[in-house]
């Protein structure tokens, strides 16, 4: 009986979703935005956010605006995801619904991070 239980546990561990052991990630996306492109950039960001909030693994997101007009990055988006896998799947789903938009005057630099210290 003990051998059967050990085999059952081993088999169940092999079939567990990789999301079960996944680590949370943080997307930090900086945006350099010309003043003339601000409205279009915000509209596109909101469209993307409205899709992403519905995806599995989404935790939250906040968009920050620089207080200084001279800032290199006028906007910074910080989003928390349950895992890298969730984020990648969510972006894939978003791109199916929202075509990639290369706005003139907008340069984005998205990167995923892990928390290493609190």
PDB file of N, CA and C in Angstrom:
ATOM      1  N   UNK A   1       0.825  -1.193   0.000  1.00  0.00           N
ATOM      2  CA  UNK A   1       0.000   0.000   0.000  1.00  0.00           C
ATOM      3  C   UNK A   1       0.870   1.257   0.000  1.00  0.00           C
ATOM      4  N   UNK A   2       1.949   1.236   0.811  1.00  0.00           N
ATOM      5  CA  UNK A   2       2.838   2.392   0.887  1.00  0.00           C
ATOM      6  C   UNK A   2       3.471   2.664  -0.480  1.00  0.00           C
ATOM      7  N   UNK A   3       3.841   1.614  -1.190  1.00  0.00           N
ATOM      8  CA  UNK A   3       4.419   1.762  -2.521  1.00  0.00           C
ATOM      9  C   UNK A   3       3.411   2.396  -3.472  1.00  0.00           C
ATOM     10  N   UNK A   4       2.159   1.995  -3.370  1.00  0.00           N
ATOM     11  CA  UNK A   4       1.111   2.560  -4.217  1.00  0.00           C
ATOM     12  C   UNK A   4       0.947   4.053  -3.939  1.00  0.00           C
ATOM     13  N   UNK A   5       0.949   4.435  -2.681  1.00  0.00           N
ATOM     14  CA  UNK A   5       0.792   5.845  -2.302  1.00  0.00           C
ATOM     15  C   UNK A   5       1.972   6.664  -2.814  1.00  0.00           C
ATOM     16  N   UNK A   6       3.187   6.119  -2.663  1.00  0.00           N
ATOM     17  CA  UNK A   6       4.369   6.829  -3.164  1.00  0.00           C
ATOM     18  C   UNK A   6       4.302   7.026  -4.675  1.00  0.00           C
ATOM     19  N   UNK A   7       3.872   6.007  -5.404  1.00  0.00           N
ATOM     20  CA  UNK A   7       3.738   6.127  -6.858  1.00  0.00           C
ATOM     21  C   UNK A   7       2.667   7.150  -7.223  1.00  0.00           C
ATOM     22  N   UNK A   8       1.580   7.151  -6.487  1.00  0.00           N
ATOM     23  CA  UNK A   8       0.495   8.099  -6.759  1.00  0.00           C
ATOM     24  C   UNK A   8       0.961   9.529  -6.520  1.00  0.00           C
ATOM     25  N   UNK A   9       1.711   9.746  -5.456  1.00  0.00           N
ATOM     26  CA  UNK A   9       2.238  11.084  -5.162  1.00  0.00           C
ATOM     27  C   UNK A   9       3.217  11.512  -6.251  1.00  0.00           C
ATOM     28  N   UNK A  10       4.099  10.630  -6.633  1.00  0.00           N
ATOM     29  CA  UNK A  10       5.068  10.937  -7.689  1.00  0.00           C
ATOM     30  C   UNK A  10       4.369  11.278  -8.989  1.00  0.00           C
ATOM     31  N   UNK A  11       3.379  10.497  -9.361  1.00  0.00           N
ATOM     32  CA  UNK A  11       2.631  10.745 -10.592  1.00  0.00           C
ATOM     33  C   UNK A  11       1.903  12.079 -10.520  1.00  0.00           C
ATOM     34  N   UNK A  12       1.312  12.391  -9.382  1.00  0.00           N
ATOM     35  CA  UNK A  12       0.569  13.645  -9.259  1.00  0.00           C
ATOM     36  C   UNK A  12       1.516  14.841  -9.358  1.00  0.00           C
ATOM     37  N   UNK A  13       2.732  14.716  -8.843  1.00  0.00           N
ATOM     38  CA  UNK A  13       3.704  15.807  -8.939  1.00  0.00           C
ATOM     39  C   UNK A  13       4.138  16.030 -10.384  1.00  0.00           C
ATOM     40  N   UNK A  14       4.186  14.971 -11.168  1.00  0.00           N
ATOM     41  CA  UNK A  14       4.586  15.095 -12.567  1.00  0.00           C
ATOM     42  C   UNK A  14       3.512  15.756 -13.420  1.00  0.00           C
ATOM     43  N   UNK A  15       2.271  15.699 -12.974  1.00  0.00           N
ATOM     44  CA  UNK A  15       1.177  16.254 -13.763  1.00  0.00           C
ATOM     45  C   UNK A  15       0.704  17.606 -13.238  1.00  0.00           C
ATOM     46  N   UNK A  16       1.377  18.149 -12.255  1.00  0.00           N
ATOM     47  CA  UNK A  16       1.002  19.444 -11.688  1.00  0.00           C
ATOM     48  C   UNK A  16       1.353  20.547 -12.670  1.00  0.00           C
ATOM     49  N   UNK A  17       0.506  21.522 -12.765  1.00  0.00           N
ATOM     50  CA  UNK A  17       0.745  22.669 -13.642  1.00  0.00           C
ATOM     51  C   UNK A  17       2.022  23.396 -13.231  1.00  0.00           C
ATOM     52  N   UNK A  18       2.802  23.868 -14.207  1.00  0.00           N
ATOM     53  CA  UNK A  18       3.995  24.638 -13.878  1.00  0.00           C
ATOM     54  C   UNK A  18       3.651  25.944 -13.173  1.00  0.00           C
ATOM     55  N   UNK A  19       2.401  26.411 -13.302  1.00  0.00           N
ATOM     56  CA  UNK A  19       1.996  27.642 -12.636  1.00  0.00           C
ATOM     57  C   UNK A  19       1.980  27.481 -11.117  1.00  0.00           C
ATOM     58  N   UNK A  20       1.834  26.243 -10.633  1.00  0.00           N
ATOM     59  CA  UNK A  20       1.766  26.008  -9.200  1.00  0.00           C
ATOM     60  C   UNK A  20       3.048  26.436  -8.497  1.00  0.00           C
ATOM     61  N   UNK A  21       4.188  26.246  -9.139  1.00  0.00           N
ATOM     62  CA  UNK A  21       5.466  26.563  -8.515  1.00  0.00           C
ATOM     63  C   UNK A  21       6.070  27.857  -9.070  1.00  0.00           C
ATOM     64  N   UNK A  22       5.306  28.595  -9.848  1.00  0.00           N
ATOM     65  CA  UNK A  22       5.819  29.804 -10.490  1.00  0.00           C
ATOM     66  C   UNK A  22       6.012  30.924  -9.481  1.00  0.00           C
ATOM     67  N   UNK A  23       6.971  31.775  -9.777  1.00  0.00           N
ATOM     68  CA  UNK A  23       7.267  32.928  -8.938  1.00  0.00           C
ATOM     69  C   UNK A  23       6.610  34.169  -9.535  1.00  0.00           C
ATOM     70  N   UNK A  24       6.113  35.077  -8.687  1.00  0.00           N
ATOM     71  CA  UNK A  24       5.534  36.310  -9.200  1.00  0.00           C
ATOM     72  C   UNK A  24       6.588  37.152  -9.923  1.00  0.00           C
ATOM     73  N   UNK A  25       6.135  37.925 -10.903  1.00  0.00           N
ATOM     74  CA  UNK A  25       7.017  38.831 -11.624  1.00  0.00           C
ATOM     75  C   UNK A  25       6.386  40.213 -11.670  1.00  0.00           C
ATOM     76  N   UNK A  26       7.244  41.210 -11.921  1.00  0.00           N
ATOM     77  CA  UNK A  26       6.798  42.590 -12.028  1.00  0.00           C
ATOM     78  C   UNK A  26       7.207  43.109 -13.402  1.00  0.00           C
ATOM     79  N   UNK A  27       6.242  43.620 -14.130  1.00  0.00           N
ATOM     80  CA  UNK A  27       6.532  44.296 -15.383  1.00  0.00           C
ATOM     81  C   UNK A  27       6.772  45.764 -15.051  1.00  0.00           C
ATOM     82  N   UNK A  28       7.900  46.291 -15.482  1.00  0.00           N
ATOM     83  CA  UNK A  28       8.154  47.725 -15.405  1.00  0.00           C
ATOM     84  C   UNK A  28       8.368  48.189 -16.834  1.00  0.00           C
ATOM     85  N   UNK A  29       7.460  49.037 -17.292  1.00  0.00           N
ATOM     86  CA  UNK A  29       7.480  49.496 -18.671  1.00  0.00           C
ATOM     87  C   UNK A  29       7.609  51.018 -18.658  1.00  0.00           C
ATOM     88  N   UNK A  30       8.736  51.513 -19.148  1.00  0.00           N
ATOM     89  CA  UNK A  30       8.950  52.954 -19.209  1.00  0.00           C
ATOM     90  C   UNK A  30       8.547  53.458 -20.586  1.00  0.00           C
ATOM     91  N   UNK A  31       7.990  54.664 -20.613  1.00  0.00           N
ATOM     92  CA  UNK A  31       7.536  55.262 -21.864  1.00  0.00           C
ATOM     93  C   UNK A  31       8.106  56.664 -22.011  1.00  0.00           C
ATOM     94  N   UNK A  32       8.864  56.883 -23.067  1.00  0.00           N
ATOM     95  CA  UNK A  32       9.243  58.228 -23.467  1.00  0.00           C
ATOM     96  C   UNK A  32       8.150  58.680 -24.426  1.00  0.00           C
ATOM     97  N   UNK A  33       7.469  59.771 -24.100  1.00  0.00           N
ATOM     98  CA  UNK A  33       6.302  60.197 -24.874  1.00  0.00           C
ATOM     99  C   UNK A  33       6.406  61.684 -25.196  1.00  0.00           C
ATOM    100  N   UNK A  34       6.337  62.009 -26.488  1.00  0.00           N
ATOM    101  CA  UNK A  34       6.261  63.412 -26.897  1.00  0.00           C
ATOM    102  C   UNK A  34       4.916  63.973 -26.451  1.00  0.00           C
ATOM    103  N   UNK A  35       4.893  65.241 -26.126  1.00  0.00           N
ATOM    104  CA  UNK A  35       3.660  65.885 -25.669  1.00  0.00           C
ATOM    105  C   UNK A  35       2.519  65.702 -26.674  1.00  0.00           C
ATOM    106  N   UNK A  36       2.826  65.774 -27.946  1.00  0.00           N
ATOM    107  CA  UNK A  36       1.796  65.654 -28.981  1.00  0.00           C
ATOM    108  C   UNK A  36       1.199  64.243 -29.049  1.00  0.00           C
ATOM    109  N   UNK A  37       1.883  63.258 -28.494  1.00  0.00           N
ATOM    110  CA  UNK A  37       1.427  61.861 -28.571  1.00  0.00           C
ATOM    111  C   UNK A  37       0.812  61.356 -27.271  1.00  0.00           C
ATOM    112  N   UNK A  38       0.736  62.214 -26.256  1.00  0.00           N
ATOM    113  CA  UNK A  38       0.260  61.771 -24.945  1.00  0.00           C
ATOM    114  C   UNK A  38      -1.138  61.159 -24.980  1.00  0.00           C
ATOM    115  N   UNK A  39      -2.077  61.819 -25.616  1.00  0.00           N
ATOM    116  CA  UNK A  39      -3.455  61.323 -25.630  1.00  0.00           C
ATOM    117  C   UNK A  39      -3.548  59.957 -26.308  1.00  0.00           C
ATOM    118  N   UNK A  40      -2.867  59.795 -27.433  1.00  0.00           N
ATOM    119  CA  UNK A  40      -2.887  58.511 -28.145  1.00  0.00           C
ATOM    120  C   UNK A  40      -2.207  57.418 -27.316  1.00  0.00           C
ATOM    121  N   UNK A  41      -1.110  57.770 -26.662  1.00  0.00           N
ATOM    122  CA  UNK A  41      -0.398  56.791 -25.836  1.00  0.00           C
ATOM    123  C   UNK A  41      -1.271  56.325 -24.677  1.00  0.00           C
ATOM    124  N   UNK A  42      -1.946  57.261 -24.020  1.00  0.00           N
ATOM    125  CA  UNK A  42      -2.820  56.891 -22.899  1.00  0.00           C
ATOM    126  C   UNK A  42      -4.013  56.063 -23.364  1.00  0.00           C
ATOM    127  N   UNK A  43      -4.562  56.404 -24.503  1.00  0.00           N
ATOM    128  CA  UNK A  43      -5.687  55.638 -25.041  1.00  0.00           C
ATOM    129  C   UNK A  43      -5.274  54.197 -25.346  1.00  0.00           C
ATOM    130  N   UNK A  44      -4.104  54.036 -25.951  1.00  0.00           N
ATOM    131  CA  UNK A  44      -3.630  52.682 -26.269  1.00  0.00           C
ATOM    132  C   UNK A  44      -3.315  51.909 -24.985  1.00  0.00           C
ATOM    133  N   UNK A  45      -2.689  52.583 -24.003  1.00  0.00           N
ATOM    134  CA  UNK A  45      -2.374  51.929 -22.728  1.00  0.00           C
ATOM    135  C   UNK A  45      -3.658  51.434 -22.067  1.00  0.00           C
ATOM    136  N   UNK A  46      -4.690  52.271 -22.062  1.00  0.00           N
ATOM    137  CA  UNK A  46      -5.954  51.881 -21.433  1.00  0.00           C
ATOM    138  C   UNK A  46      -6.609  50.705 -22.165  1.00  0.00           C
ATOM    139  N   UNK A  47      -6.521  50.694 -23.484  1.00  0.00           N
ATOM    140  CA  UNK A  47      -7.064  49.565 -24.251  1.00  0.00           C
ATOM    141  C   UNK A  47      -6.337  48.269 -23.899  1.00  0.00           C
ATOM    142  N   UNK A  48      -5.015  48.342 -23.818  1.00  0.00           N
ATOM    143  CA  UNK A  48      -4.221  47.157 -23.459  1.00  0.00           C
ATOM    144  C   UNK A  48      -4.545  46.721 -22.031  1.00  0.00           C
ATOM    145  N   UNK A  49      -4.603  47.679 -21.109  1.00  0.00           N
ATOM    146  CA  UNK A  49      -4.914  47.356 -19.718  1.00  0.00           C
ATOM    147  C   UNK A  49      -6.269  46.680 -19.596  1.00  0.00           C
ATOM    148  N   UNK A  50      -7.262  47.159 -20.328  1.00  0.00           N
ATOM    149  CA  UNK A  50      -8.609  46.586 -20.241  1.00  0.00           C
ATOM    150  C   UNK A  50      -8.644  45.123 -20.668  1.00  0.00           C
ATOM    151  N   UNK A  51      -7.754  44.740 -21.556  1.00  0.00           N
ATOM    152  CA  UNK A  51      -7.651  43.332 -21.959  1.00  0.00           C
ATOM    153  C   UNK A  51      -6.863  42.539 -20.922  1.00  0.00           C
ATOM    154  N   UNK A  52      -5.738  43.089 -20.488  1.00  0.00           N
ATOM    155  CA  UNK A  52      -4.843  42.352 -19.584  1.00  0.00           C
ATOM    156  C   UNK A  52      -5.463  42.072 -18.222  1.00  0.00           C
ATOM    157  N   UNK A  53      -6.302  42.988 -17.716  1.00  0.00           N
ATOM    158  CA  UNK A  53      -6.905  42.768 -16.391  1.00  0.00           C
ATOM    159  C   UNK A  53      -7.815  41.547 -16.364  1.00  0.00           C
ATOM    160  N   UNK A  54      -8.251  41.096 -17.534  1.00  0.00           N
ATOM    161  CA  UNK A  54      -9.136  39.935 -17.620  1.00  0.00           C
ATOM    162  C   UNK A  54      -8.377  38.616 -17.748  1.00  0.00           C
ATOM    163  N   UNK A  55      -7.066  38.671 -17.852  1.00  0.00           N
ATOM    164  CA  UNK A  55      -6.273  37.479 -18.116  1.00  0.00           C
ATOM    165  C   UNK A  55      -5.900  36.754 -16.816  1.00  0.00           C
ATOM    166  N   UNK A  56      -5.797  35.433 -16.877  1.00  0.00           N
ATOM    167  CA  UNK A  56      -5.347  34.668 -15.707  1.00  0.00           C
ATOM    168  C   UNK A  56      -3.952  35.122 -15.282  1.00  0.00           C
ATOM    169  N   UNK A  57      -3.748  35.215 -13.993  1.00  0.00           N
ATOM    170  CA  UNK A  57      -2.438  35.578 -13.456  1.00  0.00           C
ATOM    171  C   UNK A  57      -2.250  37.057 -13.211  1.00  0.00           C
ATOM    172  N   UNK A  58      -3.164  37.882 -13.710  1.00  0.00           N
ATOM    173  CA  UNK A  58      -3.078  39.326 -13.491  1.00  0.00           C
ATOM    174  C   UNK A  58      -3.311  39.629 -12.021  1.00  0.00           C
ATOM    175  N   UNK A  59      -2.477  40.497 -11.449  1.00  0.00           N
ATOM    176  CA  UNK A  59      -2.671  40.924 -10.058  1.00  0.00           C
ATOM    177  C   UNK A  59      -3.115  42.385 -10.026  1.00  0.00           C
ATOM    178  N   UNK A  60      -2.279  43.284 -10.548  1.00  0.00           N
ATOM    179  CA  UNK A  60      -2.644  44.699 -10.582  1.00  0.00           C
ATOM    180  C   UNK A  60      -1.682  45.468 -11.470  1.00  0.00           C
ATOM    181  N   UNK A  61      -2.032  46.704 -11.737  1.00  0.00           N
ATOM    182  CA  UNK A  61      -1.159  47.582 -12.505  1.00  0.00           C
ATOM    183  C   UNK A  61      -1.381  49.023 -12.076  1.00  0.00           C
ATOM    184  N   UNK A  62      -0.337  49.816 -12.158  1.00  0.00           N
ATOM    185  CA  UNK A  62      -0.434  51.248 -11.888  1.00  0.00           C
ATOM    186  C   UNK A  62       0.387  51.985 -12.933  1.00  0.00           C
ATOM    187  N   UNK A  63      -0.163  53.086 -13.411  1.00  0.00           N
ATOM    188  CA  UNK A  63       0.541  53.926 -14.369  1.00  0.00           C
ATOM    189  C   UNK A  63       0.943  55.205 -13.647  1.00  0.00           C
ATOM    190  N   UNK A  64       2.211  55.548 -13.752  1.00  0.00           N
ATOM    191  CA  UNK A  64       2.763  56.721 -13.080  1.00  0.00           C
ATOM    192  C   UNK A  64       3.163  57.758 -14.124  1.00  0.00           C
ATOM    193  N   UNK A  65       2.940  59.039 -13.798  1.00  0.00           N
ATOM    194  CA  UNK A  65       3.351  60.125 -14.681  1.00  0.00           C
ATOM    195  C   UNK A  65       4.407  60.960 -13.971  1.00  0.00           C
ATOM    196  N   UNK A  66       5.457  61.301 -14.700  1.00  0.00           N
ATOM    197  CA  UNK A  66       6.545  62.099 -14.129  1.00  0.00           C
ATOM    198  C   UNK A  66       6.030  63.482 -13.742  1.00  0.00           C
ATOM    199  N   UNK A  67       6.551  63.989 -12.653  1.00  0.00           N
ATOM    200  CA  UNK A  67       6.196  65.339 -12.224  1.00  0.00           C
ATOM    201  C   UNK A  67       6.972  66.393 -13.005  1.00  0.00           C
ATOM    202  N   UNK A  68       8.120  65.987 -13.504  1.00  0.00           N
ATOM    203  CA  UNK A  68       8.967  66.906 -14.252  1.00  0.00           C
ATOM    204  C   UNK A  68       8.727  66.753 -15.752  1.00  0.00           C
ATOM    205  N   UNK A  69       8.554  67.857 -16.440  1.00  0.00           N
ATOM    206  CA  UNK A  69       8.386  67.827 -17.904  1.00  0.00           C
ATOM    207  C   UNK A  69       9.686  67.407 -18.596  1.00  0.00           C
ATOM    208  N   UNK A  70      10.817  67.471 -17.884  1.00  0.00           N
ATOM    209  CA  UNK A  70      12.118  67.119 -18.448  1.00  0.00           C
ATOM    210  C   UNK A  70      12.499  65.657 -18.223  1.00  0.00           C
ATOM    211  N   UNK A  71      11.617  64.887 -17.618  1.00  0.00           N
ATOM    212  CA  UNK A  71      11.931  63.486 -17.328  1.00  0.00           C
ATOM    213  C   UNK A  71      12.160  62.710 -18.620  1.00  0.00           C
ATOM    214  N   UNK A  72      13.113  61.804 -18.589  1.00  0.00           N
ATOM    215  CA  UNK A  72      13.366  60.952 -19.752  1.00  0.00           C
ATOM    216  C   UNK A  72      12.148  60.095 -20.066  1.00  0.00           C
ATOM    217  N   UNK A  73      11.524  59.571 -19.029  1.00  0.00           N
ATOM    218  CA  UNK A  73      10.350  58.727 -19.200  1.00  0.00           C
ATOM    219  C   UNK A  73       9.153  59.442 -18.584  1.00  0.00           C
ATOM    220  N   UNK A  74       8.235  59.865 -19.428  1.00  0.00           N
ATOM    221  CA  UNK A  74       7.056  60.598 -18.953  1.00  0.00           C
ATOM    222  C   UNK A  74       6.107  59.679 -18.187  1.00  0.00           C
ATOM    223  N   UNK A  75       6.048  58.401 -18.612  1.00  0.00           N
ATOM    224  CA  UNK A  75       5.167  57.440 -17.953  1.00  0.00           C
ATOM    225  C   UNK A  75       5.949  56.184 -17.587  1.00  0.00           C
ATOM    226  N   UNK A  76       5.559  55.605 -16.457  1.00  0.00           N
ATOM    227  CA  UNK A  76       6.118  54.323 -16.026  1.00  0.00           C
ATOM    228  C   UNK A  76       4.944  53.457 -15.581  1.00  0.00           C
ATOM    229  N   UNK A  77       4.819  52.299 -16.200  1.00  0.00           N
ATOM    230  CA  UNK A  77       3.783  51.339 -15.840  1.00  0.00           C
ATOM    231  C   UNK A  77       4.420  50.234 -14.993  1.00  0.00           C
ATOM    232  N   UNK A  78       3.780  49.911 -13.875  1.00  0.00           N
ATOM    233  CA  UNK A  78       4.237  48.817 -13.010  1.00  0.00           C
ATOM    234  C   UNK A  78       3.070  47.849 -12.864  1.00  0.00           C
ATOM    235  N   UNK A  79       3.285  46.608 -13.288  1.00  0.00           N
ATOM    236  CA  UNK A  79       2.226  45.600 -13.231  1.00  0.00           C
ATOM    237  C   UNK A  79       2.753  44.342 -12.557  1.00  0.00           C
ATOM    238  N   UNK A  80       1.943  43.769 -11.713  1.00  0.00           N
ATOM    239  CA  UNK A  80       2.303  42.537 -11.012  1.00  0.00           C
ATOM    240  C   UNK A  80       1.533  41.362 -11.602  1.00  0.00           C
ATOM    241  N   UNK A  81       2.277  40.278 -11.827  1.00  0.00           N
ATOM    242  CA  UNK A  81       1.720  39.053 -12.408  1.00  0.00           C
ATOM    243  C   UNK A  81       2.095  37.866 -11.534  1.00  0.00           C
ATOM    244  N   UNK A  82       1.245  36.865 -11.527  1.00  0.00           N
ATOM    245  CA  UNK A  82       1.505  35.669 -10.723  1.00  0.00           C
ATOM    246  C   UNK A  82       2.739  34.915 -11.194  1.00  0.00           C
ATOM    247  N   UNK A  83       3.056  35.011 -12.502  1.00  0.00           N
ATOM    248  CA  UNK A  83       4.232  34.308 -13.023  1.00  0.00           C
ATOM    249  C   UNK A  83       4.603  34.866 -14.386  1.00  0.00           C
ATOM    250  N   UNK A  84       5.812  34.557 -14.807  1.00  0.00           N
ATOM    251  CA  UNK A  84       6.266  34.926 -16.145  1.00  0.00           C
ATOM    252  C   UNK A  84       5.384  34.244 -17.195  1.00  0.00           C
ATOM    253  N   UNK A  85       5.030  32.990 -16.955  1.00  0.00           N
ATOM    254  CA  UNK A  85       4.202  32.247 -17.898  1.00  0.00           C
ATOM    255  C   UNK A  85       2.835  32.917 -18.074  1.00  0.00           C
ATOM    256  N   UNK A  86       2.248  33.372 -16.965  1.00  0.00           N
ATOM    257  CA  UNK A  86       0.970  34.066 -17.051  1.00  0.00           C
ATOM    258  C   UNK A  86       1.119  35.343 -17.881  1.00  0.00           C
ATOM    259  N   UNK A  87       2.181  36.081 -17.626  1.00  0.00           N
ATOM    260  CA  UNK A  87       2.397  37.330 -18.349  1.00  0.00           C
ATOM    261  C   UNK A  87       2.534  37.076 -19.848  1.00  0.00           C
ATOM    262  N   UNK A  88       3.349  36.110 -20.220  1.00  0.00           N
ATOM    263  CA  UNK A  88       3.568  35.800 -21.638  1.00  0.00           C
ATOM    264  C   UNK A  88       2.253  35.386 -22.307  1.00  0.00           C
ATOM    265  N   UNK A  89       1.467  34.555 -21.631  1.00  0.00           N
ATOM    266  CA  UNK A  89       0.173  34.133 -22.186  1.00  0.00           C
ATOM    267  C   UNK A  89      -0.774  35.329 -22.318  1.00  0.00           C
ATOM    268  N   UNK A  90      -0.746  36.223 -21.348  1.00  0.00           N
ATOM    269  CA  UNK A  90      -1.622  37.398 -21.380  1.00  0.00           C
ATOM    270  C   UNK A  90      -1.252  38.328 -22.532  1.00  0.00           C
ATOM    271  N   UNK A  91       0.035  38.535 -22.743  1.00  0.00           N
ATOM    272  CA  UNK A  91       0.477  39.398 -23.840  1.00  0.00           C
ATOM    273  C   UNK A  91       0.081  38.773 -25.181  1.00  0.00           C
ATOM    274  N   UNK A  92       0.205  37.474 -25.288  1.00  0.00           N
ATOM    275  CA  UNK A  92      -0.199  36.781 -26.512  1.00  0.00           C
ATOM    276  C   UNK A  92      -1.692  36.984 -26.774  1.00  0.00           C
ATOM    277  N   UNK A  93      -2.499  36.850 -25.737  1.00  0.00           N
ATOM    278  CA  UNK A  93      -3.949  37.053 -25.873  1.00  0.00           C
ATOM    279  C   UNK A  93      -4.256  38.504 -26.240  1.00  0.00           C
ATOM    280  N   UNK A  94      -3.533  39.435 -25.629  1.00  0.00           N
ATOM    281  CA  UNK A  94      -3.751  40.850 -25.916  1.00  0.00           C
ATOM    282  C   UNK A  94      -3.447  41.165 -27.384  1.00  0.00           C
ATOM    283  N   UNK A  95      -2.366  40.616 -27.890  1.00  0.00           N
ATOM    284  CA  UNK A  95      -1.969  40.900 -29.274  1.00  0.00           C
ATOM    285  C   UNK A  95      -2.964  40.341 -30.293  1.00  0.00           C
ATOM    286  N   UNK A  96      -3.709  39.330 -29.906  1.00  0.00           N
ATOM    287  CA  UNK A  96      -4.750  38.801 -30.792  1.00  0.00           C
ATOM    288  C   UNK A  96      -5.948  39.749 -30.861  1.00  0.00           C
ATOM    289  N   UNK A  97      -6.177  40.477 -29.768  1.00  0.00           N
ATOM    290  CA  UNK A  97      -7.325  41.378 -29.694  1.00  0.00           C
ATOM    291  C   UNK A  97      -6.979  42.820 -30.056  1.00  0.00           C
ATOM    292  N   UNK A  98      -5.743  43.214 -29.809  1.00  0.00           N
ATOM    293  CA  UNK A  98      -5.330  44.602 -29.996  1.00  0.00           C
ATOM    294  C   UNK A  98      -4.067  44.622 -30.838  1.00  0.00           C
ATOM    295  N   UNK A  99      -4.180  45.067 -32.074  1.00  0.00           N
ATOM    296  CA  UNK A  99      -2.987  45.064 -32.922  1.00  0.00           C
ATOM    297  C   UNK A  99      -1.892  45.949 -32.332  1.00  0.00           C
ATOM    298  N   UNK A 100      -0.659  45.532 -32.554  1.00  0.00           N
ATOM    299  CA  UNK A 100       0.471  46.319 -32.067  1.00  0.00           C
ATOM    300  C   UNK A 100       0.437  47.681 -32.735  1.00  0.00           C
ATOM    301  N   UNK A 101       0.634  48.706 -31.945  1.00  0.00           N
ATOM    302  CA  UNK A 101       0.515  50.064 -32.453  1.00  0.00           C
ATOM    303  C   UNK A 101       1.830  50.801 -32.221  1.00  0.00           C
ATOM    304  N   UNK A 102       2.495  51.145 -33.286  1.00  0.00           N
ATOM    305  CA  UNK A 102       3.745  51.898 -33.190  1.00  0.00           C
ATOM    306  C   UNK A 102       3.411  53.378 -33.325  1.00  0.00           C
ATOM    307  N   UNK A 103       3.185  54.022 -32.203  1.00  0.00           N
ATOM    308  CA  UNK A 103       2.819  55.431 -32.215  1.00  0.00           C
ATOM    309  C   UNK A 103       4.049  56.304 -32.426  1.00  0.00           C
ATOM    310  N   UNK A 104       3.935  57.260 -33.313  1.00  0.00           N
ATOM    311  CA  UNK A 104       5.011  58.232 -33.479  1.00  0.00           C
ATOM    312  C   UNK A 104       5.164  59.007 -32.179  1.00  0.00           C
ATOM    313  N   UNK A 105       6.397  59.207 -31.759  1.00  0.00           N
ATOM    314  CA  UNK A 105       6.649  59.976 -30.550  1.00  0.00           C
ATOM    315  C   UNK A 105       6.526  59.188 -29.263  1.00  0.00           C
ATOM    316  N   UNK A 106       6.395  57.854 -29.369  1.00  0.00           N
ATOM    317  CA  UNK A 106       6.290  57.008 -28.174  1.00  0.00           C
ATOM    318  C   UNK A 106       7.312  55.883 -28.282  1.00  0.00           C
ATOM    319  N   UNK A 107       8.150  55.782 -27.238  1.00  0.00           N
ATOM    320  CA  UNK A 107       9.128  54.691 -27.170  1.00  0.00           C
ATOM    321  C   UNK A 107       8.918  53.977 -25.839  1.00  0.00           C
ATOM    322  N   UNK A 108       8.574  52.704 -25.926  1.00  0.00           N
ATOM    323  CA  UNK A 108       8.347  51.896 -24.719  1.00  0.00           C
ATOM    324  C   UNK A 108       9.521  50.948 -24.514  1.00  0.00           C
ATOM    325  N   UNK A 109       9.813  50.667 -23.246  1.00  0.00           N
ATOM    326  CA  UNK A 109      10.880  49.723 -22.908  1.00  0.00           C
ATOM    327  C   UNK A 109      10.396  48.797 -21.790  1.00  0.00           C
ATOM    328  N   UNK A 110       9.603  47.756 -22.147  1.00  0.00           N
ATOM    329  CA  UNK A 110       9.074  46.841 -21.133  1.00  0.00           C
ATOM    330  C   UNK A 110      10.098  45.784 -20.722  1.00  0.00           C
ATOM    331  N   UNK A 111      10.151  45.506 -19.423  1.00  0.00           N
ATOM    332  CA  UNK A 111      11.029  44.461 -18.897  1.00  0.00           C
ATOM    333  C   UNK A 111      10.367  43.792 -17.707  1.00  0.00           C
ATOM    334  N   UNK A 112      10.614  42.484 -17.543  1.00  0.00           N
ATOM    335  CA  UNK A 112      10.114  41.739 -16.390  1.00  0.00           C
ATOM    336  C   UNK A 112      11.194  41.671 -15.317  1.00  0.00           C
ATOM    337  N   UNK A 113      10.756  41.784 -14.079  1.00  0.00           N
ATOM    338  CA  UNK A 113      11.664  41.743 -12.934  1.00  0.00           C
ATOM    339  C   UNK A 113      11.108  40.799 -11.869  1.00  0.00           C
ATOM    340  N   UNK A 114      12.029  40.339 -11.024  1.00  0.00           N
ATOM    341  CA  UNK A 114      11.617  39.601  -9.843  1.00  0.00           C
ATOM    342  C   UNK A 114      12.027  40.411  -8.628  1.00  0.00           C
ATOM    343  N   UNK A 115      11.255  40.323  -7.572  1.00  0.00           N
ATOM    344  CA  UNK A 115      11.586  41.015  -6.330  1.00  0.00           C
ATOM    345  C   UNK A 115      12.715  40.233  -5.664  1.00  0.00           C
ATOM    346  N   UNK A 116      13.784  40.929  -5.310  1.00  0.00           N
ATOM    347  CA  UNK A 116      14.882  40.244  -4.634  1.00  0.00           C
ATOM    348  C   UNK A 116      15.066  40.727  -3.191  1.00  0.00           C
ATOM    349  N   UNK A 117      14.491  41.881  -2.868  1.00  0.00           N
ATOM    350  CA  UNK A 117      14.555  42.389  -1.482  1.00  0.00           C
ATOM    351  C   UNK A 117      13.330  43.258  -1.198  1.00  0.00           C
ATOM    352  N   UNK A 118      12.899  43.202   0.037  1.00  0.00           N
ATOM    353  CA  UNK A 118      11.824  44.090   0.515  1.00  0.00           C
ATOM    354  C   UNK A 118      12.370  44.969   1.612  1.00  0.00           C
TER     355      UNK A 118
END
